[in-house]
């Protein structure tokens, strides 16, 4: 059985904007994955805001929160 590769430009974002595009099953996002992505995005944004607010008061905590936000950003791309 031969696997058919889909073009690289067809992603889940393409389907969100163009309802005529039919995605292969392995590309179609599941509700759980979009919920996880949104949650990690909110956590990342919260850490960034807290880090920027904390910098004038304590540089160490502010920078630590910003570094944690970047780590969450990497995790967000894997979710």
PDB file of N, CA and C in Angstrom:
ATOM      1  N   UNK A   1       0.844  -1.172   0.000  1.00  0.00           N
ATOM      2  CA  UNK A   1       0.000   0.000   0.000  1.00  0.00           C
ATOM      3  C   UNK A   1       0.893   1.239   0.000  1.00  0.00           C
ATOM      4  N   UNK A   2       0.647   2.156  -0.894  1.00  0.00           N
ATOM      5  CA  UNK A   2       1.453   3.357  -1.032  1.00  0.00           C
ATOM      6  C   UNK A   2       0.817   4.510  -0.278  1.00  0.00           C
ATOM      7  N   UNK A   3       1.654   5.213   0.495  1.00  0.00           N
ATOM      8  CA  UNK A   3       1.159   6.393   1.198  1.00  0.00           C
ATOM      9  C   UNK A   3       1.182   7.576   0.249  1.00  0.00           C
ATOM     10  N   UNK A   4       0.127   8.360   0.277  1.00  0.00           N
ATOM     11  CA  UNK A   4       0.060   9.555  -0.550  1.00  0.00           C
ATOM     12  C   UNK A   4       0.417  10.744   0.329  1.00  0.00           C
ATOM     13  N   UNK A   5       1.432  11.473  -0.081  1.00  0.00           N
ATOM     14  CA  UNK A   5       1.830  12.653   0.681  1.00  0.00           C
ATOM     15  C   UNK A   5       0.982  13.842   0.256  1.00  0.00           C
ATOM     16  N   UNK A   6       0.543  14.595   1.246  1.00  0.00           N
ATOM     17  CA  UNK A   6      -0.210  15.801   0.923  1.00  0.00           C
ATOM     18  C   UNK A   6       0.777  16.943   0.711  1.00  0.00           C
ATOM     19  N   UNK A   7       0.412  17.904  -0.114  1.00  0.00           N
ATOM     20  CA  UNK A   7       1.304  19.042  -0.317  1.00  0.00           C
ATOM     21  C   UNK A   7       1.580  19.754   0.997  1.00  0.00           C
ATOM     22  N   UNK A   8       2.792  20.307   1.138  1.00  0.00           N
ATOM     23  CA  UNK A   8       3.181  20.973   2.378  1.00  0.00           C
ATOM     24  C   UNK A   8       2.309  22.178   2.697  1.00  0.00           C
ATOM     25  N   UNK A   9       1.744  22.820   1.686  1.00  0.00           N
ATOM     26  CA  UNK A   9       0.968  24.030   1.936  1.00  0.00           C
ATOM     27  C   UNK A   9      -0.410  23.729   2.509  1.00  0.00           C
ATOM     28  N   UNK A  10      -0.835  22.472   2.489  1.00  0.00           N
ATOM     29  CA  UNK A  10      -2.136  22.130   3.072  1.00  0.00           C
ATOM     30  C   UNK A  10      -1.926  21.838   4.552  1.00  0.00           C
ATOM     31  N   UNK A  11      -2.425  22.718   5.378  1.00  0.00           N
ATOM     32  CA  UNK A  11      -2.336  22.546   6.821  1.00  0.00           C
ATOM     33  C   UNK A  11      -3.725  22.721   7.417  1.00  0.00           C
ATOM     34  N   UNK A  12      -3.807  22.562   8.729  1.00  0.00           N
ATOM     35  CA  UNK A  12      -5.104  22.758   9.376  1.00  0.00           C
ATOM     36  C   UNK A  12      -5.537  24.212   9.268  1.00  0.00           C
ATOM     37  N   UNK A  13      -4.576  25.155   9.192  1.00  0.00           N
ATOM     38  CA  UNK A  13      -4.932  26.563   9.024  1.00  0.00           C
ATOM     39  C   UNK A  13      -5.580  26.803   7.661  1.00  0.00           C
ATOM     40  N   UNK A  14      -5.102  26.100   6.629  1.00  0.00           N
ATOM     41  CA  UNK A  14      -5.677  26.238   5.294  1.00  0.00           C
ATOM     42  C   UNK A  14      -7.158  25.855   5.324  1.00  0.00           C
ATOM     43  N   UNK A  15      -7.466  24.789   6.018  1.00  0.00           N
ATOM     44  CA  UNK A  15      -8.858  24.328   6.081  1.00  0.00           C
ATOM     45  C   UNK A  15      -9.728  25.297   6.871  1.00  0.00           C
ATOM     46  N   UNK A  16      -9.132  25.980   7.846  1.00  0.00           N
ATOM     47  CA  UNK A  16      -9.918  26.925   8.635  1.00  0.00           C
ATOM     48  C   UNK A  16     -10.389  28.094   7.772  1.00  0.00           C
ATOM     49  N   UNK A  17      -9.604  28.485   6.787  1.00  0.00           N
ATOM     50  CA  UNK A  17      -9.963  29.616   5.935  1.00  0.00           C
ATOM     51  C   UNK A  17     -10.681  29.202   4.662  1.00  0.00           C
ATOM     52  N   UNK A  18     -10.458  27.988   4.222  1.00  0.00           N
ATOM     53  CA  UNK A  18     -11.046  27.530   2.979  1.00  0.00           C
ATOM     54  C   UNK A  18     -11.756  26.206   3.244  1.00  0.00           C
ATOM     55  N   UNK A  19     -13.066  26.250   3.336  1.00  0.00           N
ATOM     56  CA  UNK A  19     -13.847  25.056   3.681  1.00  0.00           C
ATOM     57  C   UNK A  19     -13.866  24.022   2.557  1.00  0.00           C
ATOM     58  N   UNK A  20     -13.445  24.395   1.337  1.00  0.00           N
ATOM     59  CA  UNK A  20     -13.426  23.450   0.231  1.00  0.00           C
ATOM     60  C   UNK A  20     -12.242  22.493   0.312  1.00  0.00           C
ATOM     61  N   UNK A  21     -11.234  22.840   1.104  1.00  0.00           N
ATOM     62  CA  UNK A  21     -10.044  21.998   1.204  1.00  0.00           C
ATOM     63  C   UNK A  21     -10.361  20.814   2.103  1.00  0.00           C
ATOM     64  N   UNK A  22     -10.123  19.627   1.599  1.00  0.00           N
ATOM     65  CA  UNK A  22     -10.319  18.406   2.374  1.00  0.00           C
ATOM     66  C   UNK A  22      -8.952  17.950   2.873  1.00  0.00           C
ATOM     67  N   UNK A  23      -8.814  17.860   4.185  1.00  0.00           N
ATOM     68  CA  UNK A  23      -7.546  17.476   4.771  1.00  0.00           C
ATOM     69  C   UNK A  23      -7.467  15.973   4.976  1.00  0.00           C
ATOM     70  N   UNK A  24      -6.265  15.412   4.801  1.00  0.00           N
ATOM     71  CA  UNK A  24      -6.086  14.012   5.174  1.00  0.00           C
ATOM     72  C   UNK A  24      -6.298  13.857   6.678  1.00  0.00           C
ATOM     73  N   UNK A  25      -6.640  12.654   7.098  1.00  0.00           N
ATOM     74  CA  UNK A  25      -6.978  12.410   8.497  1.00  0.00           C
ATOM     75  C   UNK A  25      -5.817  12.747   9.440  1.00  0.00           C
ATOM     76  N   UNK A  26      -4.571  12.528   8.991  1.00  0.00           N
ATOM     77  CA  UNK A  26      -3.432  12.760   9.881  1.00  0.00           C
ATOM     78  C   UNK A  26      -3.131  14.250  10.072  1.00  0.00           C
ATOM     79  N   UNK A  27      -3.738  15.155   9.307  1.00  0.00           N
ATOM     80  CA  UNK A  27      -3.508  16.586   9.455  1.00  0.00           C
ATOM     81  C   UNK A  27      -4.660  17.264  10.186  1.00  0.00           C
ATOM     82  N   UNK A  28      -5.833  16.687  10.128  1.00  0.00           N
ATOM     83  CA  UNK A  28      -7.012  17.297  10.718  1.00  0.00           C
ATOM     84  C   UNK A  28      -6.830  17.460  12.229  1.00  0.00           C
ATOM     85  N   UNK A  29      -6.974  18.694  12.750  1.00  0.00           N
ATOM     86  CA  UNK A  29      -6.811  18.895  14.190  1.00  0.00           C
ATOM     87  C   UNK A  29      -7.987  18.311  14.964  1.00  0.00           C
ATOM     88  N   UNK A  30      -7.698  17.793  16.130  1.00  0.00           N
ATOM     89  CA  UNK A  30      -8.752  17.287  16.997  1.00  0.00           C
ATOM     90  C   UNK A  30      -9.116  18.385  17.988  1.00  0.00           C
ATOM     91  N   UNK A  31     -10.316  18.361  18.529  1.00  0.00           N
ATOM     92  CA  UNK A  31     -10.695  19.387  19.511  1.00  0.00           C
ATOM     93  C   UNK A  31      -9.753  19.420  20.716  1.00  0.00           C
ATOM     94  N   UNK A  32      -9.247  18.241  21.134  1.00  0.00           N
ATOM     95  CA  UNK A  32      -8.342  18.190  22.277  1.00  0.00           C
ATOM     96  C   UNK A  32      -7.045  18.928  21.971  1.00  0.00           C
ATOM     97  N   UNK A  33      -6.512  18.756  20.756  1.00  0.00           N
ATOM     98  CA  UNK A  33      -5.235  19.391  20.429  1.00  0.00           C
ATOM     99  C   UNK A  33      -5.384  20.907  20.325  1.00  0.00           C
ATOM    100  N   UNK A  34      -6.508  21.374  19.806  1.00  0.00           N
ATOM    101  CA  UNK A  34      -6.695  22.829  19.726  1.00  0.00           C
ATOM    102  C   UNK A  34      -6.918  23.421  21.110  1.00  0.00           C
ATOM    103  N   UNK A  35      -7.604  22.686  21.991  1.00  0.00           N
ATOM    104  CA  UNK A  35      -7.803  23.159  23.361  1.00  0.00           C
ATOM    105  C   UNK A  35      -6.465  23.228  24.096  1.00  0.00           C
ATOM    106  N   UNK A  36      -5.631  22.188  23.930  1.00  0.00           N
ATOM    107  CA  UNK A  36      -4.319  22.183  24.575  1.00  0.00           C
ATOM    108  C   UNK A  36      -3.453  23.318  24.054  1.00  0.00           C
ATOM    109  N   UNK A  37      -3.499  23.562  22.762  1.00  0.00           N
ATOM    110  CA  UNK A  37      -2.706  24.635  22.171  1.00  0.00           C
ATOM    111  C   UNK A  37      -3.153  25.985  22.715  1.00  0.00           C
ATOM    112  N   UNK A  38      -4.446  26.190  22.829  1.00  0.00           N
ATOM    113  CA  UNK A  38      -4.968  27.453  23.346  1.00  0.00           C
ATOM    114  C   UNK A  38      -4.583  27.636  24.810  1.00  0.00           C
ATOM    115  N   UNK A  39      -4.668  26.577  25.589  1.00  0.00           N
ATOM    116  CA  UNK A  39      -4.310  26.653  27.006  1.00  0.00           C
ATOM    117  C   UNK A  39      -2.834  27.005  27.176  1.00  0.00           C
ATOM    118  N   UNK A  40      -1.965  26.335  26.428  1.00  0.00           N
ATOM    119  CA  UNK A  40      -0.538  26.639  26.545  1.00  0.00           C
ATOM    120  C   UNK A  40      -0.248  28.060  26.061  1.00  0.00           C
ATOM    121  N   UNK A  41      -0.978  28.525  25.078  1.00  0.00           N
ATOM    122  CA  UNK A  41      -0.803  29.899  24.606  1.00  0.00           C
ATOM    123  C   UNK A  41      -1.192  30.902  25.693  1.00  0.00           C
ATOM    124  N   UNK A  42      -2.285  30.639  26.407  1.00  0.00           N
ATOM    125  CA  UNK A  42      -2.701  31.519  27.500  1.00  0.00           C
ATOM    126  C   UNK A  42      -1.670  31.512  28.630  1.00  0.00           C
ATOM    127  N   UNK A  43      -1.147  30.333  28.943  1.00  0.00           N
ATOM    128  CA  UNK A  43      -0.132  30.231  30.001  1.00  0.00           C
ATOM    129  C   UNK A  43       1.111  31.018  29.601  1.00  0.00           C
ATOM    130  N   UNK A  44       1.529  30.855  28.348  1.00  0.00           N
ATOM    131  CA  UNK A  44       2.705  31.566  27.850  1.00  0.00           C
ATOM    132  C   UNK A  44       2.495  33.079  27.934  1.00  0.00           C
ATOM    133  N   UNK A  45       1.333  33.562  27.516  1.00  0.00           N
ATOM    134  CA  UNK A  45       1.047  34.994  27.568  1.00  0.00           C
ATOM    135  C   UNK A  45       1.024  35.500  29.008  1.00  0.00           C
ATOM    136  N   UNK A  46       0.448  34.722  29.894  1.00  0.00           N
ATOM    137  CA  UNK A  46       0.405  35.112  31.306  1.00  0.00           C
ATOM    138  C   UNK A  46       1.796  35.207  31.910  1.00  0.00           C
ATOM    139  N   UNK A  47       2.653  34.242  31.586  1.00  0.00           N
ATOM    140  CA  UNK A  47       4.028  34.282  32.087  1.00  0.00           C
ATOM    141  C   UNK A  47       4.777  35.497  31.548  1.00  0.00           C
ATOM    142  N   UNK A  48       4.551  35.821  30.284  1.00  0.00           N
ATOM    143  CA  UNK A  48       5.212  36.998  29.704  1.00  0.00           C
ATOM    144  C   UNK A  48       4.761  38.277  30.393  1.00  0.00           C
ATOM    145  N   UNK A  49       3.464  38.412  30.608  1.00  0.00           N
ATOM    146  CA  UNK A  49       2.939  39.619  31.263  1.00  0.00           C
ATOM    147  C   UNK A  49       3.487  39.729  32.681  1.00  0.00           C
ATOM    148  N   UNK A  50       3.434  38.628  33.428  1.00  0.00           N
ATOM    149  CA  UNK A  50       3.957  38.650  34.795  1.00  0.00           C
ATOM    150  C   UNK A  50       5.458  38.943  34.819  1.00  0.00           C
ATOM    151  N   UNK A  51       6.181  38.373  33.866  1.00  0.00           N
ATOM    152  CA  UNK A  51       7.621  38.614  33.796  1.00  0.00           C
ATOM    153  C   UNK A  51       7.938  40.069  33.519  1.00  0.00           C
ATOM    154  N   UNK A  52       7.214  40.672  32.599  1.00  0.00           N
ATOM    155  CA  UNK A  52       7.459  42.082  32.279  1.00  0.00           C
ATOM    156  C   UNK A  52       7.065  43.000  33.432  1.00  0.00           C
ATOM    157  N   UNK A  53       6.002  42.651  34.144  1.00  0.00           N
ATOM    158  CA  UNK A  53       5.592  43.455  35.298  1.00  0.00           C
ATOM    159  C   UNK A  53       6.607  43.310  36.430  1.00  0.00           C
ATOM    160  N   UNK A  54       7.203  42.133  36.590  1.00  0.00           N
ATOM    161  CA  UNK A  54       8.122  41.866  37.695  1.00  0.00           C
ATOM    162  C   UNK A  54       9.513  42.469  37.488  1.00  0.00           C
ATOM    163  N   UNK A  55       9.907  42.739  36.248  1.00  0.00           N
ATOM    164  CA  UNK A  55      11.266  43.217  35.978  1.00  0.00           C
ATOM    165  C   UNK A  55      11.642  44.468  36.784  1.00  0.00           C
ATOM    166  N   UNK A  56      10.784  45.500  36.871  1.00  0.00           N
ATOM    167  CA  UNK A  56      11.194  46.684  37.646  1.00  0.00           C
ATOM    168  C   UNK A  56      11.393  46.407  39.139  1.00  0.00           C
ATOM    169  N   UNK A  57      10.719  45.399  39.665  1.00  0.00           N
ATOM    170  CA  UNK A  57      10.803  45.107  41.093  1.00  0.00           C
ATOM    171  C   UNK A  57      11.932  44.135  41.414  1.00  0.00           C
ATOM    172  N   UNK A  58      12.021  43.060  40.661  1.00  0.00           N
ATOM    173  CA  UNK A  58      13.076  42.080  40.876  1.00  0.00           C
ATOM    174  C   UNK A  58      13.460  41.483  39.526  1.00  0.00           C
ATOM    175  N   UNK A  59      14.643  41.797  39.103  1.00  0.00           N
ATOM    176  CA  UNK A  59      15.112  41.396  37.778  1.00  0.00           C
ATOM    177  C   UNK A  59      15.189  39.879  37.641  1.00  0.00           C
ATOM    178  N   UNK A  60      15.637  39.196  38.681  1.00  0.00           N
ATOM    179  CA  UNK A  60      15.803  37.743  38.612  1.00  0.00           C
ATOM    180  C   UNK A  60      14.474  37.037  38.347  1.00  0.00           C
ATOM    181  N   UNK A  61      13.451  37.388  39.107  1.00  0.00           N
ATOM    182  CA  UNK A  61      12.143  36.739  38.932  1.00  0.00           C
ATOM    183  C   UNK A  61      11.548  37.097  37.572  1.00  0.00           C
ATOM    184  N   UNK A  62      11.686  38.355  37.167  1.00  0.00           N
ATOM    185  CA  UNK A  62      11.158  38.767  35.866  1.00  0.00           C
ATOM    186  C   UNK A  62      11.787  37.994  34.722  1.00  0.00           C
ATOM    187  N   UNK A  63      13.115  37.889  34.749  1.00  0.00           N
ATOM    188  CA  UNK A  63      13.801  37.148  33.680  1.00  0.00           C
ATOM    189  C   UNK A  63      13.492  35.657  33.741  1.00  0.00           C
ATOM    190  N   UNK A  64      13.350  35.126  34.942  1.00  0.00           N
ATOM    191  CA  UNK A  64      12.999  33.704  35.086  1.00  0.00           C
ATOM    192  C   UNK A  64      11.629  33.430  34.471  1.00  0.00           C
ATOM    193  N   UNK A  65      10.678  34.314  34.711  1.00  0.00           N
ATOM    194  CA  UNK A  65       9.338  34.139  34.135  1.00  0.00           C
ATOM    195  C   UNK A  65       9.375  34.251  32.616  1.00  0.00           C
ATOM    196  N   UNK A  66      10.188  35.160  32.085  1.00  0.00           N
ATOM    197  CA  UNK A  66      10.293  35.289  30.625  1.00  0.00           C
ATOM    198  C   UNK A  66      10.949  34.057  30.007  1.00  0.00           C
ATOM    199  N   UNK A  67      11.940  33.499  30.678  1.00  0.00           N
ATOM    200  CA  UNK A  67      12.576  32.271  30.174  1.00  0.00           C
ATOM    201  C   UNK A  67      11.575  31.122  30.220  1.00  0.00           C
ATOM    202  N   UNK A  68      10.810  31.031  31.303  1.00  0.00           N
ATOM    203  CA  UNK A  68       9.773  29.990  31.385  1.00  0.00           C
ATOM    204  C   UNK A  68       8.737  30.147  30.282  1.00  0.00           C
ATOM    205  N   UNK A  69       8.398  31.391  29.949  1.00  0.00           N
ATOM    206  CA  UNK A  69       7.432  31.632  28.872  1.00  0.00           C
ATOM    207  C   UNK A  69       7.977  31.114  27.541  1.00  0.00           C
ATOM    208  N   UNK A  70       9.264  31.280  27.311  1.00  0.00           N
ATOM    209  CA  UNK A  70       9.855  30.759  26.068  1.00  0.00           C
ATOM    210  C   UNK A  70       9.852  29.236  26.052  1.00  0.00           C
ATOM    211  N   UNK A  71      10.088  28.620  27.195  1.00  0.00           N
ATOM    212  CA  UNK A  71      10.032  27.150  27.268  1.00  0.00           C
ATOM    213  C   UNK A  71       8.610  26.661  26.996  1.00  0.00           C
ATOM    214  N   UNK A  72       7.618  27.358  27.553  1.00  0.00           N
ATOM    215  CA  UNK A  72       6.223  27.004  27.285  1.00  0.00           C
ATOM    216  C   UNK A  72       5.912  27.213  25.806  1.00  0.00           C
ATOM    217  N   UNK A  73       6.526  28.220  25.188  1.00  0.00           N
ATOM    218  CA  UNK A  73       6.337  28.442  23.742  1.00  0.00           C
ATOM    219  C   UNK A  73       6.835  27.280  22.906  1.00  0.00           C
ATOM    220  N   UNK A  74       7.947  26.695  23.310  1.00  0.00           N
ATOM    221  CA  UNK A  74       8.455  25.509  22.610  1.00  0.00           C
ATOM    222  C   UNK A  74       7.495  24.344  22.803  1.00  0.00           C
ATOM    223  N   UNK A  75       7.006  24.179  24.019  1.00  0.00           N
ATOM    224  CA  UNK A  75       6.030  23.114  24.289  1.00  0.00           C
ATOM    225  C   UNK A  75       4.753  23.355  23.483  1.00  0.00           C
ATOM    226  N   UNK A  76       4.359  24.613  23.353  1.00  0.00           N
ATOM    227  CA  UNK A  76       3.144  24.957  22.594  1.00  0.00           C
ATOM    228  C   UNK A  76       3.250  24.492  21.149  1.00  0.00           C
ATOM    229  N   UNK A  77       4.418  24.601  20.559  1.00  0.00           N
ATOM    230  CA  UNK A  77       4.596  24.177  19.173  1.00  0.00           C
ATOM    231  C   UNK A  77       4.515  22.660  19.027  1.00  0.00           C
ATOM    232  N   UNK A  78       4.780  21.929  20.099  1.00  0.00           N
ATOM    233  CA  UNK A  78       4.709  20.466  20.044  1.00  0.00           C
ATOM    234  C   UNK A  78       3.312  19.951  20.336  1.00  0.00           C
ATOM    235  N   UNK A  79       2.447  20.779  20.927  1.00  0.00           N
ATOM    236  CA  UNK A  79       1.088  20.342  21.287  1.00  0.00           C
ATOM    237  C   UNK A  79       0.200  20.405  20.075  1.00  0.00           C
TER     238      UNK A  79
END
